[in-house]
Amino acid sequence: MREGISIEVSASDRERLAAVVADGNRPQKHVWRARIILVTAEGCGTVEIMRRAGVSKRCVLRWQERFMLRRWRRLAAHGHCL
């Protein structure tokens, strides 16, 4: 895994993401985005994430970064960040 990328997913978020992956009616792009986050949260490296999600390295790195930024912004908006 790339240095500086650490994603912790709560049990409720994990359930929501797993439901997206399992839903056969979801757009495929939503499924692989959810899978990227779930596999990253397991602590897998980029190559393993690429393999499991079936996407490129660029895609993995982009969605990890986007997820981390959105999570940080959400916490900051609620006064939970320094």
C-alpha atoms as a PDB file:
ATOM      1  CA  MET A   1       0.000   0.000   0.000  1.00  0.00           C
ATOM      2  CA  ARG A   2       1.125   3.489  -0.773  1.00  0.00           C
ATOM      3  CA  GLU A   3       2.586   5.413   2.149  1.00  0.00           C
ATOM      4  CA  GLY A   4       0.119   7.803   3.778  1.00  0.00           C
ATOM      5  CA  ILE A   5      -2.935   5.803   2.743  1.00  0.00           C
ATOM      6  CA  SER A   6      -4.749   4.446   5.729  1.00  0.00           C
ATOM      7  CA  ILE A   7      -8.460   3.876   5.540  1.00  0.00           C
ATOM      8  CA  GLU A   8     -10.508   2.753   8.498  1.00  0.00           C
ATOM      9  CA  VAL A   9     -14.079   1.764   7.746  1.00  0.00           C
ATOM     10  CA  SER A  10     -16.682   1.568  10.500  1.00  0.00           C
ATOM     11  CA  ALA A  11     -18.893  -1.497  10.754  1.00  0.00           C
ATOM     12  CA  SER A  12     -21.876   0.429   9.393  1.00  0.00           C
ATOM     13  CA  ASP A  13     -19.844   1.821   6.458  1.00  0.00           C
ATOM     14  CA  ARG A  14     -18.477  -1.663   5.784  1.00  0.00           C
ATOM     15  CA  GLU A  15     -22.045  -3.036   5.649  1.00  0.00           C
ATOM     16  CA  ARG A  16     -23.117  -0.280   3.234  1.00  0.00           C
ATOM     17  CA  LEU A  17     -20.106  -0.844   0.986  1.00  0.00           C
ATOM     18  CA  ALA A  18     -20.597  -4.619   1.051  1.00  0.00           C
ATOM     19  CA  ALA A  19     -24.256  -4.114   0.082  1.00  0.00           C
ATOM     20  CA  VAL A  20     -23.155  -2.038  -2.919  1.00  0.00           C
ATOM     21  CA  VAL A  21     -20.756  -4.808  -3.999  1.00  0.00           C
ATOM     22  CA  ALA A  22     -23.454  -7.478  -3.591  1.00  0.00           C
ATOM     23  CA  ASP A  23     -26.237  -5.545  -5.354  1.00  0.00           C
ATOM     24  CA  GLY A  24     -26.567  -6.909  -8.875  1.00  0.00           C
ATOM     25  CA  ASN A  25     -28.465  -3.809 -10.003  1.00  0.00           C
ATOM     26  CA  ARG A  26     -25.755  -1.277  -9.120  1.00  0.00           C
ATOM     27  CA  PRO A  27     -23.664   0.314 -11.866  1.00  0.00           C
ATOM     28  CA  GLN A  28     -20.360  -1.530 -12.138  1.00  0.00           C
ATOM     29  CA  LYS A  29     -18.379   1.629 -11.401  1.00  0.00           C
ATOM     30  CA  HIS A  30     -20.073   1.872  -7.978  1.00  0.00           C
ATOM     31  CA  VAL A  31     -19.220  -1.760  -7.286  1.00  0.00           C
ATOM     32  CA  TRP A  32     -15.512  -1.406  -8.002  1.00  0.00           C
ATOM     33  CA  ARG A  33     -15.281   1.871  -6.077  1.00  0.00           C
ATOM     34  CA  ALA A  34     -16.800   0.172  -3.025  1.00  0.00           C
ATOM     35  CA  ARG A  35     -14.526  -2.834  -3.512  1.00  0.00           C
ATOM     36  CA  ILE A  36     -11.439  -0.569  -3.680  1.00  0.00           C
ATOM     37  CA  ILE A  37     -12.309   0.963  -0.317  1.00  0.00           C
ATOM     38  CA  LEU A  38     -13.143  -2.363   1.322  1.00  0.00           C
ATOM     39  CA  VAL A  39      -9.918  -4.036   0.167  1.00  0.00           C
ATOM     40  CA  THR A  40      -7.861  -0.968   1.119  1.00  0.00           C
ATOM     41  CA  ALA A  41      -9.392  -1.084   4.609  1.00  0.00           C
ATOM     42  CA  GLU A  42      -8.216  -4.709   4.879  1.00  0.00           C
ATOM     43  CA  GLY A  43      -4.657  -3.396   4.496  1.00  0.00           C
ATOM     44  CA  CYS A  44      -3.952  -4.936   1.093  1.00  0.00           C
ATOM     45  CA  GLY A  45      -1.383  -3.432  -1.230  1.00  0.00           C
ATOM     46  CA  THR A  46      -2.128  -1.647  -4.477  1.00  0.00           C
ATOM     47  CA  VAL A  47      -1.452  -4.656  -6.707  1.00  0.00           C
ATOM     48  CA  GLU A  48      -3.830  -6.827  -4.696  1.00  0.00           C
ATOM     49  CA  ILE A  49      -6.491  -4.111  -4.765  1.00  0.00           C
ATOM     50  CA  MET A  50      -6.085  -3.817  -8.539  1.00  0.00           C
ATOM     51  CA  ARG A  51      -6.468  -7.575  -8.890  1.00  0.00           C
ATOM     52  CA  ARG A  52      -9.558  -7.850  -6.686  1.00  0.00           C
ATOM     53  CA  ALA A  53     -11.322  -4.793  -8.076  1.00  0.00           C
ATOM     54  CA  GLY A  54     -10.262  -5.391 -11.668  1.00  0.00           C
ATOM     55  CA  VAL A  55      -9.137  -1.805 -12.205  1.00  0.00           C
ATOM     56  CA  SER A  56      -5.951   0.103 -13.018  1.00  0.00           C
ATOM     57  CA  LYS A  57      -3.408   1.432 -10.544  1.00  0.00           C
ATOM     58  CA  ARG A  58      -4.408   4.984 -11.405  1.00  0.00           C
ATOM     59  CA  CYS A  59      -8.035   4.180 -10.578  1.00  0.00           C
ATOM     60  CA  VAL A  60      -7.100   2.631  -7.207  1.00  0.00           C
ATOM     61  CA  LEU A  61      -4.934   5.579  -6.187  1.00  0.00           C
ATOM     62  CA  ARG A  62      -7.557   8.099  -7.306  1.00  0.00           C
ATOM     63  CA  TRP A  63     -10.403   6.511  -5.340  1.00  0.00           C
ATOM     64  CA  GLN A  64      -8.315   5.987  -2.209  1.00  0.00           C
ATOM     65  CA  GLU A  65      -7.411   9.657  -2.252  1.00  0.00           C
ATOM     66  CA  ARG A  66     -10.971  10.787  -2.948  1.00  0.00           C
ATOM     67  CA  PHE A  67     -12.358   8.642  -0.142  1.00  0.00           C
ATOM     68  CA  MET A  68      -9.783   9.967   2.337  1.00  0.00           C
ATOM     69  CA  LEU A  69     -10.417  13.607   1.373  1.00  0.00           C
ATOM     70  CA  ARG A  70     -14.181  13.275   1.615  1.00  0.00           C
ATOM     71  CA  ARG A  71     -13.956  11.535   4.978  1.00  0.00           C
ATOM     72  CA  TRP A  72     -11.621  14.239   6.315  1.00  0.00           C
ATOM     73  CA  ARG A  73     -13.885  17.037   5.040  1.00  0.00           C
ATOM     74  CA  ARG A  74     -16.915  15.398   6.631  1.00  0.00           C
ATOM     75  CA  LEU A  75     -15.136  15.163   9.996  1.00  0.00           C
ATOM     76  CA  ALA A  76     -13.822  18.716   9.757  1.00  0.00           C
ATOM     77  CA  ALA A  77     -17.312  20.021   9.004  1.00  0.00           C
ATOM     78  CA  HIS A  78     -18.508  18.472  12.255  1.00  0.00           C
ATOM     79  CA  GLY A  79     -15.581  19.828  14.299  1.00  0.00           C
ATOM     80  CA  HIS A  80     -13.837  16.477  14.788  1.00  0.00           C
ATOM     81  CA  CYS A  81     -10.504  17.408  13.175  1.00  0.00           C
ATOM     82  CA  LEU A  82      -7.757  19.655  14.484  1.00  0.00           C
END
